[in-house]
């Protein structure tokens, strides 16, 4: 990575997001959390040596784009400079492929594997790459679904429900997401 890592928090229509960067590009994007302290903790877990600093113009442009995305504006992040550091070669290929998915365009873990000539048996590795994606939204991992169009997992705040909401924002119809079970005892 080029230079000192910095980060900043910012408000969106759905919560507090965070962004981290170096001189080479965006190194982390924290999707909106309920509170600023939660977003800050997440940023510092990913970038433990980062300092909070004022974003330069190109970082402010990305912040503005993320805010507009969550306000429902059709935004693409294709040209945002990113700095992912060292990643396994297969993960880097997955990220490059998924980054080309546009607004409302979805695929599956298996389809990504096949597109990379890795075969559907590598779908799980695609899922692992998505789960460790340091810049969700810029690399739109929410657009990668499980077989049959099921939502699949999502490691961002809110889990699969957040993924479903992002897809709905983009006009992608999604099946209801099961929240879990309520095991409260009697009245």
N, C-alpha and C. Protein backbone atom coordinates (compact mmCIF):
# COMPACT_ATOMS: atom_id res chain seq x y z
N UNK A 1 0.84 -1.18 0.00
CA UNK A 1 0.00 0.00 0.00
C UNK A 1 0.88 1.24 0.00
N UNK A 2 0.40 2.25 -0.67
CA UNK A 2 1.17 3.49 -0.79
C UNK A 2 0.74 4.49 0.27
N UNK A 3 1.61 4.75 1.24
CA UNK A 3 1.36 5.79 2.23
C UNK A 3 0.52 5.35 3.41
N UNK A 4 0.31 6.30 4.32
CA UNK A 4 -0.46 6.10 5.54
C UNK A 4 -1.93 5.85 5.24
N UNK A 5 -2.50 4.85 5.89
CA UNK A 5 -3.93 4.59 5.77
C UNK A 5 -4.69 5.64 6.55
N UNK A 6 -5.73 6.15 5.94
CA UNK A 6 -6.63 7.09 6.59
C UNK A 6 -8.05 6.58 6.44
N UNK A 7 -8.96 7.11 7.26
CA UNK A 7 -10.36 6.74 7.13
C UNK A 7 -11.22 7.91 7.53
N UNK A 8 -12.49 7.81 7.15
CA UNK A 8 -13.47 8.80 7.54
C UNK A 8 -14.83 8.12 7.59
N UNK A 9 -15.67 8.60 8.47
CA UNK A 9 -17.05 8.13 8.59
C UNK A 9 -17.96 9.16 7.92
N UNK A 10 -19.12 8.70 7.46
CA UNK A 10 -20.08 9.62 6.85
C UNK A 10 -21.49 9.04 6.93
N UNK A 11 -22.45 9.93 6.94
CA UNK A 11 -23.87 9.57 7.05
C UNK A 11 -24.45 9.23 5.69
N UNK A 12 -25.27 8.19 5.66
CA UNK A 12 -26.07 7.87 4.48
C UNK A 12 -27.53 7.82 4.92
N UNK A 13 -28.43 7.59 3.99
CA UNK A 13 -29.86 7.49 4.30
C UNK A 13 -30.18 6.30 5.19
N UNK A 14 -29.26 5.32 5.27
CA UNK A 14 -29.55 4.11 6.04
C UNK A 14 -28.58 3.86 7.19
N UNK A 15 -27.70 4.80 7.49
CA UNK A 15 -26.78 4.63 8.60
C UNK A 15 -25.44 5.27 8.33
N UNK A 16 -24.49 4.96 9.22
CA UNK A 16 -23.16 5.55 9.16
C UNK A 16 -22.21 4.59 8.45
N UNK A 17 -21.60 5.06 7.38
CA UNK A 17 -20.66 4.26 6.61
C UNK A 17 -19.24 4.75 6.90
N UNK A 18 -18.27 3.98 6.46
CA UNK A 18 -16.87 4.36 6.62
C UNK A 18 -16.09 4.05 5.36
N UNK A 19 -15.06 4.82 5.14
CA UNK A 19 -14.21 4.62 3.98
C UNK A 19 -12.76 4.76 4.40
N UNK A 20 -11.90 3.89 3.89
CA UNK A 20 -10.46 3.94 4.18
C UNK A 20 -9.69 4.05 2.89
N UNK A 21 -8.55 4.71 2.93
CA UNK A 21 -7.76 4.92 1.72
C UNK A 21 -6.29 5.12 2.02
N UNK A 22 -5.50 4.95 0.97
CA UNK A 22 -4.09 5.31 0.94
C UNK A 22 -3.91 6.20 -0.28
N UNK A 23 -2.66 6.56 -0.55
CA UNK A 23 -2.39 7.35 -1.74
C UNK A 23 -2.72 6.61 -3.03
N UNK A 24 -2.78 5.27 -2.97
CA UNK A 24 -3.04 4.46 -4.16
C UNK A 24 -4.52 4.24 -4.44
N UNK A 25 -5.39 4.43 -3.45
CA UNK A 25 -6.82 4.22 -3.68
C UNK A 25 -7.56 3.80 -2.43
N UNK A 26 -8.83 3.45 -2.63
CA UNK A 26 -9.71 3.01 -1.54
C UNK A 26 -9.25 1.63 -1.08
N UNK A 27 -9.07 1.46 0.22
CA UNK A 27 -8.65 0.18 0.77
C UNK A 27 -9.77 -0.52 1.54
N UNK A 28 -10.78 0.25 1.95
CA UNK A 28 -11.88 -0.32 2.71
C UNK A 28 -13.13 0.53 2.54
N UNK A 29 -14.25 -0.14 2.50
CA UNK A 29 -15.53 0.55 2.53
C UNK A 29 -16.41 -0.22 3.49
N UNK A 30 -16.87 0.44 4.49
CA UNK A 30 -17.75 -0.16 5.50
C UNK A 30 -19.17 0.26 5.16
N UNK A 31 -20.01 -0.71 4.82
CA UNK A 31 -21.39 -0.39 4.52
C UNK A 31 -22.06 0.14 5.78
N UNK A 32 -23.15 0.89 5.62
CA UNK A 32 -23.76 1.57 6.76
C UNK A 32 -24.08 0.68 7.95
N UNK A 33 -23.72 1.18 9.11
CA UNK A 33 -24.02 0.55 10.39
C UNK A 33 -24.99 1.48 11.14
N UNK A 34 -25.52 1.00 12.23
CA UNK A 34 -26.50 1.79 12.98
C UNK A 34 -25.88 3.01 13.65
N UNK A 35 -24.62 2.90 14.08
CA UNK A 35 -24.01 4.00 14.83
C UNK A 35 -22.60 4.30 14.34
N UNK A 36 -22.16 5.50 14.62
CA UNK A 36 -20.79 5.90 14.26
C UNK A 36 -19.75 5.07 15.01
N UNK A 37 -19.91 4.83 16.32
CA UNK A 37 -18.90 4.00 17.00
C UNK A 37 -18.78 2.60 16.40
N UNK A 38 -19.90 2.01 15.98
CA UNK A 38 -19.86 0.69 15.35
C UNK A 38 -19.09 0.75 14.03
N UNK A 39 -19.36 1.77 13.23
CA UNK A 39 -18.66 1.94 11.95
C UNK A 39 -17.17 2.19 12.18
N UNK A 40 -16.83 3.01 13.17
CA UNK A 40 -15.42 3.30 13.47
C UNK A 40 -14.68 2.04 13.92
N UNK A 41 -15.30 1.23 14.79
CA UNK A 41 -14.67 -0.02 15.24
C UNK A 41 -14.40 -0.93 14.06
N UNK A 42 -15.35 -1.02 13.15
CA UNK A 42 -15.18 -1.88 11.98
C UNK A 42 -14.04 -1.38 11.09
N UNK A 43 -13.96 -0.08 10.91
CA UNK A 43 -12.87 0.48 10.09
C UNK A 43 -11.52 0.17 10.71
N UNK A 44 -11.42 0.34 12.03
CA UNK A 44 -10.13 0.12 12.70
C UNK A 44 -9.78 -1.37 12.82
N UNK A 45 -10.79 -2.25 12.79
CA UNK A 45 -10.48 -3.69 12.73
C UNK A 45 -9.84 -4.01 11.38
N UNK A 46 -10.34 -3.40 10.31
CA UNK A 46 -9.80 -3.67 8.98
C UNK A 46 -8.50 -2.93 8.75
N UNK A 47 -8.40 -1.70 9.29
CA UNK A 47 -7.22 -0.85 9.09
C UNK A 47 -6.70 -0.38 10.45
N UNK A 48 -6.07 -1.26 11.23
CA UNK A 48 -5.71 -0.93 12.61
C UNK A 48 -4.75 0.24 12.76
N UNK A 49 -3.95 0.53 11.76
CA UNK A 49 -2.99 1.64 11.84
C UNK A 49 -3.50 2.92 11.19
N UNK A 50 -4.75 2.91 10.74
CA UNK A 50 -5.30 4.08 10.05
C UNK A 50 -5.58 5.22 11.03
N UNK A 51 -5.49 6.41 10.51
CA UNK A 51 -5.85 7.60 11.29
C UNK A 51 -7.02 8.27 10.60
N UNK A 52 -7.88 8.84 11.41
CA UNK A 52 -9.02 9.56 10.84
C UNK A 52 -8.51 10.86 10.25
N UNK A 53 -8.86 11.12 9.01
CA UNK A 53 -8.35 12.31 8.35
C UNK A 53 -9.33 12.87 7.35
N UNK A 54 -9.06 14.08 6.92
CA UNK A 54 -9.94 14.71 5.94
C UNK A 54 -9.74 14.07 4.56
N UNK A 55 -10.83 13.67 3.91
CA UNK A 55 -10.70 13.06 2.59
C UNK A 55 -10.30 14.08 1.52
N UNK A 56 -9.40 13.65 0.63
CA UNK A 56 -9.06 14.50 -0.51
C UNK A 56 -10.21 14.45 -1.51
N UNK A 57 -10.14 15.24 -2.56
CA UNK A 57 -11.26 15.42 -3.49
C UNK A 57 -11.77 14.11 -4.08
N UNK A 58 -10.87 13.23 -4.53
CA UNK A 58 -11.35 11.99 -5.15
C UNK A 58 -12.01 11.05 -4.15
N UNK A 59 -11.60 11.10 -2.89
CA UNK A 59 -12.26 10.30 -1.85
C UNK A 59 -13.63 10.92 -1.54
N UNK A 60 -13.70 12.23 -1.48
CA UNK A 60 -14.99 12.91 -1.27
C UNK A 60 -15.97 12.57 -2.39
N UNK A 61 -15.49 12.42 -3.61
CA UNK A 61 -16.36 12.05 -4.74
C UNK A 61 -16.95 10.65 -4.52
N UNK A 62 -16.15 9.73 -3.97
CA UNK A 62 -16.65 8.38 -3.69
C UNK A 62 -17.66 8.43 -2.55
N UNK A 63 -17.36 9.19 -1.50
CA UNK A 63 -18.30 9.36 -0.39
C UNK A 63 -19.63 9.88 -0.93
N UNK A 64 -19.58 10.92 -1.74
CA UNK A 64 -20.79 11.50 -2.33
C UNK A 64 -21.55 10.46 -3.15
N UNK A 65 -20.83 9.64 -3.91
CA UNK A 65 -21.47 8.60 -4.72
C UNK A 65 -22.16 7.56 -3.84
N UNK A 66 -21.52 7.16 -2.73
CA UNK A 66 -22.13 6.19 -1.82
C UNK A 66 -23.39 6.78 -1.20
N UNK A 67 -23.33 8.03 -0.77
CA UNK A 67 -24.51 8.70 -0.19
C UNK A 67 -25.65 8.72 -1.22
N UNK A 68 -25.33 9.07 -2.45
CA UNK A 68 -26.35 9.13 -3.50
C UNK A 68 -26.89 7.74 -3.82
N UNK A 69 -26.03 6.72 -3.78
CA UNK A 69 -26.47 5.34 -4.00
C UNK A 69 -27.56 4.99 -2.98
N UNK A 70 -27.27 5.23 -1.71
CA UNK A 70 -28.24 4.86 -0.67
C UNK A 70 -29.48 5.76 -0.67
N UNK A 71 -29.42 6.86 -1.38
CA UNK A 71 -30.62 7.70 -1.56
C UNK A 71 -31.43 7.22 -2.76
N UNK A 72 -30.95 6.18 -3.45
CA UNK A 72 -31.69 5.58 -4.54
C UNK A 72 -31.25 5.98 -5.94
N UNK A 73 -30.17 6.74 -6.05
CA UNK A 73 -29.68 7.16 -7.36
C UNK A 73 -28.86 6.05 -7.99
N UNK A 74 -29.04 5.86 -9.28
CA UNK A 74 -28.27 4.84 -10.00
C UNK A 74 -26.82 5.30 -10.09
N UNK A 75 -25.94 4.61 -9.39
CA UNK A 75 -24.53 4.96 -9.30
C UNK A 75 -23.70 3.73 -9.66
N UNK A 76 -22.65 3.95 -10.42
CA UNK A 76 -21.69 2.89 -10.74
C UNK A 76 -20.32 3.30 -10.18
N UNK A 77 -19.54 2.34 -9.78
CA UNK A 77 -18.23 2.58 -9.16
C UNK A 77 -17.09 1.99 -9.98
N UNK A 78 -17.31 1.80 -11.28
CA UNK A 78 -16.34 1.13 -12.14
C UNK A 78 -14.96 1.80 -12.14
N UNK A 79 -14.92 3.11 -12.08
CA UNK A 79 -13.64 3.81 -12.26
C UNK A 79 -12.97 4.23 -10.94
N UNK A 80 -13.52 3.84 -9.82
CA UNK A 80 -12.93 4.20 -8.52
C UNK A 80 -11.61 3.45 -8.35
N UNK A 81 -10.56 4.19 -8.00
CA UNK A 81 -9.26 3.57 -7.76
C UNK A 81 -9.29 2.82 -6.43
N UNK A 82 -8.90 1.56 -6.47
CA UNK A 82 -8.86 0.76 -5.24
C UNK A 82 -7.45 0.23 -5.02
N UNK A 83 -7.15 -0.03 -3.76
CA UNK A 83 -5.87 -0.59 -3.35
C UNK A 83 -6.17 -1.76 -2.43
N UNK A 84 -6.20 -2.96 -3.00
CA UNK A 84 -6.58 -4.14 -2.23
C UNK A 84 -5.39 -4.85 -1.60
N UNK A 85 -4.19 -4.35 -1.83
CA UNK A 85 -3.01 -5.01 -1.26
C UNK A 85 -2.85 -6.40 -1.86
N UNK A 86 -2.23 -7.28 -1.12
CA UNK A 86 -2.00 -8.64 -1.60
C UNK A 86 -3.24 -9.49 -1.34
N UNK A 87 -3.74 -10.09 -2.39
CA UNK A 87 -4.88 -10.99 -2.32
C UNK A 87 -4.51 -12.27 -3.05
N UNK A 88 -5.11 -13.39 -2.67
CA UNK A 88 -4.87 -14.61 -3.45
C UNK A 88 -5.24 -14.35 -4.91
N UNK A 89 -4.48 -14.90 -5.84
CA UNK A 89 -4.73 -14.65 -7.27
C UNK A 89 -6.17 -14.94 -7.70
N UNK A 90 -6.75 -16.04 -7.20
CA UNK A 90 -8.13 -16.35 -7.59
C UNK A 90 -9.08 -15.27 -7.08
N UNK A 91 -8.89 -14.80 -5.85
CA UNK A 91 -9.74 -13.74 -5.30
C UNK A 91 -9.63 -12.49 -6.16
N UNK A 92 -8.41 -12.15 -6.57
CA UNK A 92 -8.22 -10.96 -7.41
C UNK A 92 -8.99 -11.10 -8.72
N UNK A 93 -8.99 -12.27 -9.30
CA UNK A 93 -9.74 -12.51 -10.54
C UNK A 93 -11.24 -12.39 -10.29
N UNK A 94 -11.70 -12.93 -9.16
CA UNK A 94 -13.12 -12.82 -8.80
C UNK A 94 -13.50 -11.35 -8.64
N UNK A 95 -12.69 -10.59 -7.91
CA UNK A 95 -12.98 -9.17 -7.70
C UNK A 95 -13.04 -8.42 -9.03
N UNK A 96 -12.09 -8.69 -9.92
CA UNK A 96 -12.08 -8.03 -11.23
C UNK A 96 -13.36 -8.34 -12.00
N UNK A 97 -13.78 -9.59 -11.95
CA UNK A 97 -14.99 -10.00 -12.68
C UNK A 97 -16.25 -9.36 -12.08
N UNK A 98 -16.40 -9.47 -10.78
CA UNK A 98 -17.61 -8.97 -10.11
C UNK A 98 -17.69 -7.45 -10.21
N UNK A 99 -16.56 -6.79 -10.23
CA UNK A 99 -16.56 -5.33 -10.31
C UNK A 99 -17.24 -4.82 -11.58
N UNK A 100 -17.32 -5.64 -12.60
CA UNK A 100 -17.94 -5.24 -13.86
C UNK A 100 -19.47 -5.36 -13.85
N UNK A 101 -20.05 -5.93 -12.78
CA UNK A 101 -21.51 -6.05 -12.70
C UNK A 101 -22.10 -4.66 -12.49
N UNK A 102 -23.04 -4.31 -13.32
CA UNK A 102 -23.67 -2.99 -13.23
C UNK A 102 -24.91 -2.98 -12.36
N UNK A 103 -25.47 -1.81 -12.22
CA UNK A 103 -26.67 -1.56 -11.43
C UNK A 103 -27.76 -2.58 -11.79
N UNK A 104 -28.25 -3.31 -10.79
CA UNK A 104 -29.34 -4.25 -10.98
C UNK A 104 -28.97 -5.54 -11.70
N UNK A 105 -27.72 -5.72 -12.03
CA UNK A 105 -27.26 -6.93 -12.73
C UNK A 105 -26.78 -7.93 -11.69
N UNK A 106 -27.31 -9.13 -11.75
CA UNK A 106 -26.90 -10.15 -10.78
C UNK A 106 -26.32 -11.36 -11.49
N UNK A 107 -25.62 -12.15 -10.71
CA UNK A 107 -25.07 -13.42 -11.18
C UNK A 107 -25.05 -14.35 -9.97
N UNK A 108 -24.51 -15.53 -10.14
CA UNK A 108 -24.40 -16.47 -9.02
C UNK A 108 -22.93 -16.80 -8.76
N UNK A 109 -22.69 -17.36 -7.60
CA UNK A 109 -21.34 -17.78 -7.25
C UNK A 109 -20.81 -18.77 -8.29
N UNK A 110 -21.65 -19.73 -8.67
CA UNK A 110 -21.25 -20.72 -9.66
C UNK A 110 -20.98 -20.11 -11.03
N UNK A 111 -21.80 -19.15 -11.43
CA UNK A 111 -21.60 -18.50 -12.73
C UNK A 111 -20.29 -17.71 -12.76
N UNK A 112 -19.93 -17.09 -11.64
CA UNK A 112 -18.65 -16.37 -11.59
C UNK A 112 -17.51 -17.38 -11.74
N UNK A 113 -17.60 -18.48 -11.04
CA UNK A 113 -16.55 -19.51 -11.15
C UNK A 113 -16.42 -19.99 -12.59
N UNK A 114 -17.55 -20.28 -13.22
CA UNK A 114 -17.50 -20.75 -14.61
C UNK A 114 -16.94 -19.68 -15.55
N UNK A 115 -17.29 -18.42 -15.33
CA UNK A 115 -16.79 -17.33 -16.16
C UNK A 115 -15.28 -17.20 -16.06
N UNK A 116 -14.72 -17.63 -14.94
CA UNK A 116 -13.27 -17.57 -14.74
C UNK A 116 -12.60 -18.89 -15.12
N UNK A 117 -13.35 -19.76 -15.80
CA UNK A 117 -12.87 -21.08 -16.21
C UNK A 117 -12.40 -21.91 -15.03
N UNK A 118 -13.03 -21.70 -13.89
CA UNK A 118 -12.66 -22.45 -12.69
C UNK A 118 -13.60 -23.61 -12.43
N UNK A 119 -14.73 -23.63 -13.08
CA UNK A 119 -15.71 -24.69 -12.87
C UNK A 119 -16.59 -24.40 -11.68
N UNK A 120 -17.82 -24.93 -11.71
CA UNK A 120 -18.78 -24.65 -10.65
C UNK A 120 -18.36 -25.14 -9.27
N UNK A 121 -17.42 -26.10 -9.24
CA UNK A 121 -16.95 -26.58 -7.93
C UNK A 121 -16.19 -25.50 -7.17
N UNK A 122 -15.83 -24.40 -7.84
CA UNK A 122 -15.15 -23.29 -7.18
C UNK A 122 -16.11 -22.21 -6.68
N UNK A 123 -17.39 -22.49 -6.75
CA UNK A 123 -18.39 -21.53 -6.29
C UNK A 123 -18.16 -21.15 -4.82
N UNK A 124 -17.77 -22.11 -4.02
CA UNK A 124 -17.51 -21.83 -2.60
C UNK A 124 -16.35 -20.83 -2.44
N UNK A 125 -15.31 -20.98 -3.26
CA UNK A 125 -14.18 -20.04 -3.22
C UNK A 125 -14.62 -18.65 -3.65
N UNK A 126 -15.54 -18.57 -4.61
CA UNK A 126 -16.10 -17.27 -5.00
C UNK A 126 -16.83 -16.67 -3.80
N UNK A 127 -17.59 -17.48 -3.10
CA UNK A 127 -18.28 -17.01 -1.90
C UNK A 127 -17.32 -16.51 -0.83
N UNK A 128 -16.20 -17.20 -0.67
CA UNK A 128 -15.19 -16.77 0.29
C UNK A 128 -14.58 -15.43 -0.13
N UNK A 129 -14.35 -15.25 -1.41
CA UNK A 129 -13.83 -13.96 -1.90
C UNK A 129 -14.85 -12.85 -1.61
N UNK A 130 -16.12 -13.14 -1.85
CA UNK A 130 -17.15 -12.12 -1.59
C UNK A 130 -17.23 -11.80 -0.09
N UNK A 131 -17.10 -12.81 0.74
CA UNK A 131 -17.20 -12.61 2.20
C UNK A 131 -16.04 -11.77 2.74
N UNK A 132 -14.92 -11.76 2.03
CA UNK A 132 -13.75 -10.99 2.50
C UNK A 132 -13.49 -9.75 1.64
N UNK A 133 -14.45 -9.40 0.81
CA UNK A 133 -14.35 -8.23 -0.05
C UNK A 133 -14.15 -6.98 0.82
N UNK A 134 -13.03 -6.29 0.70
CA UNK A 134 -12.78 -5.13 1.55
C UNK A 134 -13.50 -3.86 1.09
N UNK A 135 -14.04 -3.87 -0.13
CA UNK A 135 -14.69 -2.66 -0.65
C UNK A 135 -16.06 -2.99 -1.26
N UNK A 136 -16.99 -3.53 -0.43
CA UNK A 136 -18.30 -3.83 -0.97
C UNK A 136 -18.94 -2.55 -1.54
N UNK A 137 -19.77 -2.71 -2.49
CA UNK A 137 -20.41 -1.67 -3.28
C UNK A 137 -19.49 -1.26 -4.42
N UNK A 138 -18.22 -0.97 -4.15
CA UNK A 138 -17.28 -0.69 -5.23
C UNK A 138 -17.03 -1.99 -6.01
N UNK A 139 -16.80 -3.08 -5.29
CA UNK A 139 -16.86 -4.43 -5.86
C UNK A 139 -18.21 -4.95 -5.35
N UNK A 140 -19.24 -4.94 -6.20
CA UNK A 140 -20.62 -5.14 -5.74
C UNK A 140 -20.97 -6.59 -5.40
N UNK A 141 -20.43 -7.08 -4.30
CA UNK A 141 -20.66 -8.46 -3.89
C UNK A 141 -22.13 -8.74 -3.60
N UNK A 142 -22.92 -7.68 -3.33
CA UNK A 142 -24.35 -7.89 -3.08
C UNK A 142 -25.07 -8.38 -4.34
N UNK A 143 -24.44 -8.24 -5.50
CA UNK A 143 -25.04 -8.66 -6.77
C UNK A 143 -24.73 -10.12 -7.11
N UNK A 144 -24.01 -10.80 -6.23
CA UNK A 144 -23.69 -12.21 -6.45
C UNK A 144 -24.59 -13.04 -5.52
N UNK A 145 -25.39 -13.89 -6.16
CA UNK A 145 -26.40 -14.66 -5.44
C UNK A 145 -26.04 -16.14 -5.38
N UNK A 146 -26.76 -16.84 -4.53
CA UNK A 146 -26.61 -18.29 -4.46
C UNK A 146 -27.35 -18.93 -5.64
N UNK A 147 -27.20 -20.23 -5.78
CA UNK A 147 -27.88 -20.96 -6.86
C UNK A 147 -29.38 -20.72 -6.78
N UNK A 148 -30.00 -20.64 -7.94
CA UNK A 148 -31.45 -20.45 -7.98
C UNK A 148 -31.90 -19.05 -7.63
N UNK A 149 -30.96 -18.11 -7.52
CA UNK A 149 -31.32 -16.73 -7.21
C UNK A 149 -31.56 -16.45 -5.74
N UNK A 150 -31.25 -17.42 -4.87
CA UNK A 150 -31.38 -17.18 -3.43
C UNK A 150 -30.36 -16.12 -3.00
N UNK A 151 -30.70 -15.36 -1.97
CA UNK A 151 -29.85 -14.27 -1.51
C UNK A 151 -28.45 -14.75 -1.14
N UNK A 152 -28.35 -15.83 -0.43
CA UNK A 152 -27.04 -16.30 0.03
C UNK A 152 -26.57 -15.47 1.21
N UNK A 153 -25.32 -15.61 1.58
CA UNK A 153 -24.78 -14.90 2.73
C UNK A 153 -24.38 -13.48 2.39
N UNK A 154 -24.16 -12.70 3.45
CA UNK A 154 -23.70 -11.32 3.30
C UNK A 154 -23.10 -10.92 4.63
N UNK A 155 -21.81 -10.54 4.61
CA UNK A 155 -21.10 -10.29 5.86
C UNK A 155 -21.20 -8.84 6.33
N UNK A 156 -21.88 -7.99 5.60
CA UNK A 156 -22.03 -6.58 5.99
C UNK A 156 -23.05 -6.45 7.12
N UNK A 157 -23.08 -5.27 7.77
CA UNK A 157 -24.09 -5.05 8.82
C UNK A 157 -25.49 -5.34 8.28
N UNK A 158 -26.27 -6.08 9.05
CA UNK A 158 -27.62 -6.42 8.63
C UNK A 158 -27.71 -7.71 7.84
N UNK A 159 -26.55 -8.28 7.47
CA UNK A 159 -26.52 -9.57 6.79
C UNK A 159 -27.36 -9.61 5.52
N UNK A 160 -28.02 -10.74 5.32
CA UNK A 160 -28.79 -10.98 4.10
C UNK A 160 -29.90 -9.94 3.91
N UNK A 161 -30.45 -9.42 4.99
CA UNK A 161 -31.49 -8.40 4.86
C UNK A 161 -30.92 -7.14 4.20
N UNK A 162 -29.71 -6.75 4.56
CA UNK A 162 -29.07 -5.60 3.92
C UNK A 162 -28.83 -5.87 2.44
N UNK A 163 -28.40 -7.08 2.12
CA UNK A 163 -28.17 -7.46 0.73
C UNK A 163 -29.48 -7.35 -0.05
N UNK A 164 -30.56 -7.86 0.53
CA UNK A 164 -31.86 -7.81 -0.13
C UNK A 164 -32.30 -6.36 -0.34
N UNK A 165 -32.10 -5.52 0.64
CA UNK A 165 -32.49 -4.11 0.51
C UNK A 165 -31.68 -3.40 -0.57
N UNK A 166 -30.40 -3.71 -0.67
CA UNK A 166 -29.57 -3.11 -1.72
C UNK A 166 -30.05 -3.56 -3.10
N UNK A 167 -30.38 -4.83 -3.23
CA UNK A 167 -30.88 -5.33 -4.51
C UNK A 167 -32.23 -4.71 -4.84
N UNK A 168 -33.10 -4.59 -3.85
CA UNK A 168 -34.40 -3.95 -4.07
C UNK A 168 -34.23 -2.49 -4.49
N UNK A 169 -33.28 -1.81 -3.89
CA UNK A 169 -32.97 -0.42 -4.26
C UNK A 169 -32.61 -0.34 -5.74
N UNK A 170 -31.96 -1.38 -6.25
CA UNK A 170 -31.54 -1.44 -7.65
C UNK A 170 -32.62 -2.03 -8.56
N UNK A 171 -33.79 -2.33 -7.99
CA UNK A 171 -34.89 -2.84 -8.80
C UNK A 171 -34.87 -4.34 -9.04
N UNK A 172 -34.06 -5.06 -8.29
CA UNK A 172 -33.98 -6.52 -8.43
C UNK A 172 -35.00 -7.16 -7.49
N UNK A 173 -35.96 -7.91 -8.05
CA UNK A 173 -36.92 -8.58 -7.17
C UNK A 173 -36.22 -9.68 -6.37
N UNK A 174 -36.50 -9.74 -5.09
CA UNK A 174 -35.87 -10.74 -4.23
C UNK A 174 -36.94 -11.43 -3.40
N UNK A 175 -36.67 -12.68 -3.09
CA UNK A 175 -37.56 -13.43 -2.21
C UNK A 175 -37.40 -12.90 -0.79
N UNK A 176 -38.44 -13.03 0.03
CA UNK A 176 -38.32 -12.58 1.43
C UNK A 176 -37.15 -13.26 2.13
N UNK A 177 -36.48 -12.50 2.98
CA UNK A 177 -35.32 -13.01 3.71
C UNK A 177 -35.78 -13.44 5.09
N UNK A 178 -35.46 -14.69 5.45
CA UNK A 178 -35.81 -15.18 6.77
C UNK A 178 -34.91 -14.53 7.81
N UNK A 179 -35.50 -13.93 8.82
CA UNK A 179 -34.75 -13.22 9.85
C UNK A 179 -34.23 -14.12 10.95
N UNK A 180 -34.83 -15.25 11.14
CA UNK A 180 -34.46 -16.13 12.25
C UNK A 180 -35.72 -16.53 12.99
N UNK A 181 -35.55 -17.15 14.10
CA UNK A 181 -36.70 -17.63 14.85
C UNK A 181 -36.81 -16.88 16.16
N UNK A 182 -38.03 -16.64 16.57
CA UNK A 182 -38.29 -15.97 17.84
C UNK A 182 -38.71 -17.05 18.82
N UNK A 183 -37.84 -17.37 19.76
CA UNK A 183 -38.10 -18.44 20.71
C UNK A 183 -38.54 -17.91 22.07
N UNK A 184 -39.32 -16.85 22.05
CA UNK A 184 -39.81 -16.31 23.33
C UNK A 184 -40.76 -17.32 23.95
N UNK A 185 -40.71 -17.41 25.24
CA UNK A 185 -41.62 -18.33 25.91
C UNK A 185 -42.94 -17.64 26.18
N UNK A 186 -43.98 -18.40 26.28
CA UNK A 186 -45.36 -17.99 26.55
C UNK A 186 -45.63 -16.52 26.82
N UNK A 187 -46.91 -16.19 27.00
CA UNK A 187 -47.32 -14.80 27.19
C UNK A 187 -46.84 -14.14 28.42
